[in-house]
């Protein structure tokens, strides 16, 4: 449905009869669509961003991480925006903190 068709449907009839109720129902419909959009799309995305930010702040040396490219490694150093990741013996690479997608945490009973 294009914008022009919507404007004609939302406007009151030219003869002046009724039509006021249709504008109110249209506004209620759009309000409900905006509310659904907020609760189904925007709010979950904001929560996910907040969780990822907390994850980035909690990274410390020795954590095992998975990077966005699928590379696995162990954090060897942490700076403000850069993480030094050891991917193999004597191989350390610098990555942006944002490229870390998962921090692999082992259960306390399994660590020895």
N, C-alpha and C. Protein backbone atom coordinates (compact mmCIF):
# COMPACT_ATOMS: atom_id res chain seq x y z
N UNK A 1 0.86 -1.17 0.00
CA UNK A 1 0.00 0.00 0.00
C UNK A 1 0.90 1.23 0.00
N UNK A 2 0.68 2.14 -0.90
CA UNK A 2 1.53 3.31 -0.95
C UNK A 2 1.01 4.41 -0.04
N UNK A 3 1.81 5.42 0.14
CA UNK A 3 1.49 6.50 1.07
C UNK A 3 0.28 7.30 0.61
N UNK A 4 0.15 7.52 -0.67
CA UNK A 4 -0.97 8.29 -1.19
C UNK A 4 -2.30 7.59 -0.90
N UNK A 5 -2.35 6.29 -1.08
CA UNK A 5 -3.57 5.54 -0.80
C UNK A 5 -3.91 5.62 0.69
N UNK A 6 -2.90 5.58 1.54
CA UNK A 6 -3.14 5.68 2.98
C UNK A 6 -3.72 7.04 3.34
N UNK A 7 -3.20 8.12 2.74
CA UNK A 7 -3.69 9.47 3.04
C UNK A 7 -5.16 9.59 2.65
N UNK A 8 -5.54 9.03 1.50
CA UNK A 8 -6.93 9.10 1.08
C UNK A 8 -7.83 8.28 1.99
N UNK A 9 -7.35 7.16 2.49
CA UNK A 9 -8.18 6.33 3.37
C UNK A 9 -8.32 6.98 4.74
N UNK A 10 -7.30 7.67 5.22
CA UNK A 10 -7.33 8.25 6.56
C UNK A 10 -8.08 9.57 6.59
N UNK A 11 -8.20 10.25 5.46
CA UNK A 11 -8.88 11.55 5.45
C UNK A 11 -10.40 11.34 5.53
N UNK A 12 -11.09 12.30 6.15
CA UNK A 12 -12.55 12.17 6.25
C UNK A 12 -13.21 12.36 4.88
N UNK A 13 -14.40 11.85 4.71
CA UNK A 13 -15.10 11.98 3.43
C UNK A 13 -15.34 13.45 3.08
N UNK A 14 -15.41 13.77 1.78
CA UNK A 14 -15.57 15.15 1.32
C UNK A 14 -16.94 15.72 1.67
N UNK A 15 -17.97 14.87 1.80
CA UNK A 15 -19.32 15.38 2.07
C UNK A 15 -19.53 15.76 3.54
N UNK A 16 -18.54 15.52 4.39
CA UNK A 16 -18.61 15.94 5.78
C UNK A 16 -19.33 14.97 6.69
N UNK A 17 -19.72 13.81 6.21
CA UNK A 17 -20.43 12.86 7.05
C UNK A 17 -19.45 11.95 7.77
N UNK A 18 -19.60 11.87 9.07
CA UNK A 18 -18.81 10.93 9.89
C UNK A 18 -17.33 11.03 9.61
N UNK A 19 -16.67 9.89 9.63
CA UNK A 19 -15.27 9.83 9.29
C UNK A 19 -14.34 10.11 10.46
N UNK A 20 -14.81 10.71 11.52
CA UNK A 20 -13.96 11.03 12.66
C UNK A 20 -13.49 9.78 13.38
N UNK A 21 -14.32 8.77 13.43
CA UNK A 21 -13.97 7.53 14.10
C UNK A 21 -12.88 6.76 13.38
N UNK A 22 -12.83 6.88 12.06
CA UNK A 22 -11.82 6.14 11.31
C UNK A 22 -10.43 6.70 11.57
N UNK A 23 -10.31 8.00 11.80
CA UNK A 23 -9.02 8.60 12.12
C UNK A 23 -8.53 8.11 13.47
N UNK A 24 -9.42 8.04 14.45
CA UNK A 24 -9.05 7.55 15.77
C UNK A 24 -8.62 6.09 15.71
N UNK A 25 -9.36 5.29 14.97
CA UNK A 25 -9.00 3.88 14.87
C UNK A 25 -7.68 3.70 14.14
N UNK A 26 -7.41 4.56 13.16
CA UNK A 26 -6.13 4.51 12.45
C UNK A 26 -4.98 4.86 13.39
N UNK A 27 -5.16 5.87 14.21
CA UNK A 27 -4.13 6.25 15.17
C UNK A 27 -3.90 5.15 16.20
N UNK A 28 -4.95 4.52 16.64
CA UNK A 28 -4.81 3.41 17.58
C UNK A 28 -4.07 2.25 16.93
N UNK A 29 -4.39 1.99 15.66
CA UNK A 29 -3.72 0.91 14.94
C UNK A 29 -2.22 1.20 14.81
N UNK A 30 -1.87 2.42 14.42
CA UNK A 30 -0.45 2.76 14.29
C UNK A 30 0.26 2.75 15.63
N UNK A 31 -0.42 3.18 16.68
CA UNK A 31 0.18 3.12 18.02
C UNK A 31 0.47 1.69 18.44
N UNK A 32 -0.45 0.80 18.13
CA UNK A 32 -0.23 -0.61 18.48
C UNK A 32 0.90 -1.22 17.63
N UNK A 33 1.00 -0.83 16.37
CA UNK A 33 2.10 -1.32 15.52
C UNK A 33 3.44 -0.85 16.05
N UNK A 34 3.51 0.41 16.46
CA UNK A 34 4.76 0.95 17.03
C UNK A 34 5.12 0.23 18.32
N UNK A 35 4.13 -0.04 19.17
CA UNK A 35 4.39 -0.76 20.42
C UNK A 35 4.89 -2.18 20.14
N UNK A 36 4.26 -2.87 19.20
CA UNK A 36 4.70 -4.22 18.85
C UNK A 36 6.12 -4.18 18.29
N UNK A 37 6.40 -3.21 17.43
CA UNK A 37 7.74 -3.06 16.86
C UNK A 37 8.76 -2.85 17.97
N UNK A 38 8.43 -2.03 18.96
CA UNK A 38 9.36 -1.76 20.05
C UNK A 38 9.63 -3.03 20.86
N UNK A 39 8.57 -3.72 21.27
CA UNK A 39 8.75 -4.87 22.15
C UNK A 39 9.27 -6.11 21.43
N UNK A 40 9.06 -6.21 20.13
CA UNK A 40 9.52 -7.39 19.40
C UNK A 40 10.89 -7.21 18.77
N UNK A 41 11.30 -5.98 18.45
CA UNK A 41 12.55 -5.77 17.73
C UNK A 41 13.53 -4.90 18.52
N UNK A 42 13.14 -3.70 18.88
CA UNK A 42 14.08 -2.77 19.49
C UNK A 42 14.53 -3.18 20.89
N UNK A 43 13.61 -3.53 21.74
CA UNK A 43 13.96 -3.88 23.13
C UNK A 43 14.87 -5.10 23.22
N UNK A 44 14.59 -6.20 22.52
CA UNK A 44 15.52 -7.34 22.57
C UNK A 44 16.91 -6.99 22.02
N UNK A 45 16.96 -6.15 21.00
CA UNK A 45 18.26 -5.75 20.45
C UNK A 45 19.05 -4.93 21.47
N UNK A 46 18.39 -4.05 22.19
CA UNK A 46 19.06 -3.26 23.23
C UNK A 46 19.57 -4.15 24.34
N UNK A 47 18.79 -5.16 24.74
CA UNK A 47 19.24 -6.08 25.78
C UNK A 47 20.45 -6.88 25.32
N UNK A 48 20.44 -7.30 24.06
CA UNK A 48 21.57 -8.06 23.51
C UNK A 48 22.83 -7.20 23.47
N UNK A 49 22.69 -5.94 23.09
CA UNK A 49 23.84 -5.03 23.06
C UNK A 49 24.39 -4.81 24.47
N UNK A 50 23.52 -4.69 25.45
CA UNK A 50 23.96 -4.49 26.83
C UNK A 50 24.69 -5.73 27.34
N UNK A 51 24.20 -6.92 27.02
CA UNK A 51 24.88 -8.15 27.43
C UNK A 51 26.24 -8.27 26.77
N UNK A 52 26.35 -7.91 25.50
CA UNK A 52 27.63 -7.98 24.80
C UNK A 52 28.62 -6.97 25.40
N UNK A 53 28.13 -5.79 25.77
CA UNK A 53 28.99 -4.79 26.40
C UNK A 53 29.51 -5.29 27.75
N UNK A 54 28.66 -5.93 28.54
CA UNK A 54 29.09 -6.50 29.81
C UNK A 54 30.10 -7.62 29.58
N UNK A 55 29.92 -8.41 28.54
CA UNK A 55 30.86 -9.46 28.20
C UNK A 55 32.23 -8.87 27.87
N UNK A 56 32.23 -7.78 27.10
CA UNK A 56 33.49 -7.14 26.71
C UNK A 56 34.22 -6.57 27.93
N UNK A 57 33.46 -6.06 28.89
CA UNK A 57 34.07 -5.49 30.09
C UNK A 57 34.59 -6.56 31.04
N UNK A 58 34.05 -7.77 30.95
CA UNK A 58 34.44 -8.83 31.89
C UNK A 58 35.58 -9.71 31.38
N UNK A 59 36.08 -9.44 30.17
CA UNK A 59 37.16 -10.26 29.61
C UNK A 59 38.43 -10.01 30.40
N UNK A 60 39.11 -11.09 30.76
CA UNK A 60 40.36 -10.97 31.50
C UNK A 60 41.37 -11.97 30.96
N UNK A 61 42.61 -11.79 31.34
CA UNK A 61 43.69 -12.65 30.88
C UNK A 61 43.40 -14.10 31.30
N UNK A 62 43.61 -15.01 30.37
CA UNK A 62 43.39 -16.43 30.63
C UNK A 62 42.06 -16.96 30.16
N UNK A 63 41.12 -16.07 29.79
CA UNK A 63 39.82 -16.52 29.28
C UNK A 63 39.98 -17.15 27.90
N UNK A 64 39.23 -18.20 27.66
CA UNK A 64 39.20 -18.79 26.33
C UNK A 64 38.06 -18.12 25.57
N UNK A 65 38.36 -17.68 24.34
CA UNK A 65 37.39 -16.92 23.56
C UNK A 65 37.23 -17.51 22.16
N UNK A 66 36.09 -17.18 21.57
CA UNK A 66 35.83 -17.50 20.17
C UNK A 66 35.61 -16.17 19.47
N UNK A 67 36.35 -15.94 18.38
CA UNK A 67 36.26 -14.68 17.65
C UNK A 67 35.22 -14.79 16.54
N UNK A 68 34.84 -13.65 15.99
CA UNK A 68 33.78 -13.63 14.98
C UNK A 68 34.13 -14.43 13.73
N UNK A 69 35.41 -14.60 13.43
CA UNK A 69 35.81 -15.39 12.28
C UNK A 69 35.85 -16.88 12.55
N UNK A 70 35.55 -17.28 13.79
CA UNK A 70 35.56 -18.69 14.16
C UNK A 70 36.85 -19.14 14.79
N UNK A 71 37.79 -18.24 14.98
CA UNK A 71 39.08 -18.60 15.57
C UNK A 71 38.95 -18.73 17.09
N UNK A 72 39.56 -19.77 17.63
CA UNK A 72 39.56 -20.01 19.07
C UNK A 72 40.93 -19.63 19.61
N UNK A 73 40.95 -19.11 20.83
CA UNK A 73 42.22 -18.76 21.43
C UNK A 73 42.06 -18.43 22.91
N UNK A 74 43.18 -18.08 23.53
CA UNK A 74 43.21 -17.72 24.94
C UNK A 74 43.69 -16.28 25.05
N UNK A 75 43.04 -15.49 25.88
CA UNK A 75 43.40 -14.09 26.05
C UNK A 75 44.74 -14.01 26.77
N UNK A 76 45.71 -13.34 26.14
CA UNK A 76 47.04 -13.18 26.72
C UNK A 76 47.23 -11.77 27.27
N UNK A 77 46.40 -10.84 26.86
CA UNK A 77 46.50 -9.48 27.35
C UNK A 77 45.27 -8.69 26.95
N UNK A 78 44.92 -7.69 27.78
CA UNK A 78 43.74 -6.89 27.52
C UNK A 78 44.11 -5.41 27.63
N UNK A 79 43.76 -4.64 26.60
CA UNK A 79 43.90 -3.20 26.64
C UNK A 79 42.49 -2.61 26.56
N UNK A 80 42.41 -1.31 26.35
CA UNK A 80 41.10 -0.67 26.34
C UNK A 80 40.21 -1.19 25.21
N UNK A 81 40.74 -1.21 23.98
CA UNK A 81 39.94 -1.64 22.83
C UNK A 81 40.53 -2.85 22.12
N UNK A 82 41.71 -3.27 22.52
CA UNK A 82 42.42 -4.35 21.83
C UNK A 82 42.67 -5.50 22.79
N UNK A 83 42.55 -6.72 22.27
CA UNK A 83 42.81 -7.93 23.04
C UNK A 83 43.92 -8.71 22.35
N UNK A 84 44.89 -9.15 23.12
CA UNK A 84 45.96 -9.99 22.59
C UNK A 84 45.56 -11.43 22.82
N UNK A 85 45.38 -12.20 21.74
CA UNK A 85 44.88 -13.56 21.83
C UNK A 85 45.97 -14.52 21.36
N UNK A 86 46.23 -15.52 22.20
CA UNK A 86 47.18 -16.57 21.83
C UNK A 86 46.40 -17.67 21.14
N UNK A 87 46.73 -17.89 19.86
CA UNK A 87 45.99 -18.87 19.06
C UNK A 87 46.75 -20.18 18.92
N UNK A 88 48.06 -20.18 19.17
CA UNK A 88 48.89 -21.38 19.13
C UNK A 88 50.14 -21.09 19.96
N UNK A 89 51.01 -22.10 20.11
CA UNK A 89 52.24 -21.89 20.84
C UNK A 89 53.07 -20.81 20.15
N UNK A 90 53.47 -19.80 20.92
CA UNK A 90 54.29 -18.68 20.43
C UNK A 90 53.63 -17.88 19.30
N UNK A 91 52.31 -17.94 19.19
CA UNK A 91 51.59 -17.15 18.19
C UNK A 91 50.52 -16.33 18.91
N UNK A 92 50.76 -15.01 18.97
CA UNK A 92 49.80 -14.11 19.59
C UNK A 92 49.38 -13.08 18.56
N UNK A 93 48.09 -12.82 18.55
CA UNK A 93 47.53 -11.88 17.57
C UNK A 93 46.69 -10.84 18.29
N UNK A 94 46.69 -9.61 17.75
CA UNK A 94 45.87 -8.54 18.31
C UNK A 94 44.54 -8.48 17.56
N UNK A 95 43.47 -8.35 18.32
CA UNK A 95 42.12 -8.23 17.76
C UNK A 95 41.39 -7.11 18.49
N UNK A 96 40.40 -6.55 17.82
CA UNK A 96 39.50 -5.61 18.46
C UNK A 96 38.61 -6.38 19.44
N UNK A 97 38.27 -5.75 20.55
CA UNK A 97 37.40 -6.42 21.52
C UNK A 97 36.06 -6.80 20.91
N UNK A 98 35.57 -6.00 19.99
CA UNK A 98 34.27 -6.25 19.37
C UNK A 98 34.23 -7.52 18.54
N UNK A 99 35.39 -8.04 18.16
CA UNK A 99 35.39 -9.26 17.34
C UNK A 99 35.21 -10.51 18.18
N UNK A 100 35.22 -10.38 19.48
CA UNK A 100 34.99 -11.54 20.36
C UNK A 100 33.49 -11.77 20.47
N UNK A 101 33.06 -12.96 20.10
CA UNK A 101 31.63 -13.27 20.15
C UNK A 101 31.26 -14.08 21.38
N UNK A 102 32.17 -14.94 21.85
CA UNK A 102 31.85 -15.82 22.96
C UNK A 102 33.05 -15.96 23.87
N UNK A 103 32.78 -15.95 25.17
CA UNK A 103 33.82 -16.29 26.15
C UNK A 103 33.45 -17.66 26.68
N UNK A 104 34.35 -18.63 26.51
CA UNK A 104 34.09 -19.99 26.92
C UNK A 104 34.53 -20.13 28.37
N UNK A 105 33.58 -20.37 29.22
CA UNK A 105 33.88 -20.51 30.65
C UNK A 105 33.64 -21.98 31.03
N UNK A 106 34.66 -22.58 31.61
CA UNK A 106 34.53 -23.97 32.05
C UNK A 106 33.94 -23.98 33.45
N UNK A 107 33.30 -25.09 33.82
CA UNK A 107 32.75 -25.23 35.17
C UNK A 107 33.91 -25.31 36.16
N UNK A 108 33.68 -24.82 37.36
CA UNK A 108 34.72 -24.79 38.37
C UNK A 108 35.24 -26.19 38.72
N UNK A 109 34.38 -27.18 38.66
CA UNK A 109 34.78 -28.54 38.99
C UNK A 109 35.68 -29.15 37.92
N UNK A 110 35.57 -28.66 36.69
CA UNK A 110 36.36 -29.22 35.62
C UNK A 110 37.75 -28.64 35.54
N UNK A 111 37.97 -27.45 36.11
CA UNK A 111 39.30 -26.83 36.07
C UNK A 111 40.22 -27.51 37.08
N UNK A 112 41.43 -27.81 36.63
CA UNK A 112 42.42 -28.43 37.53
C UNK A 112 43.77 -27.86 37.24
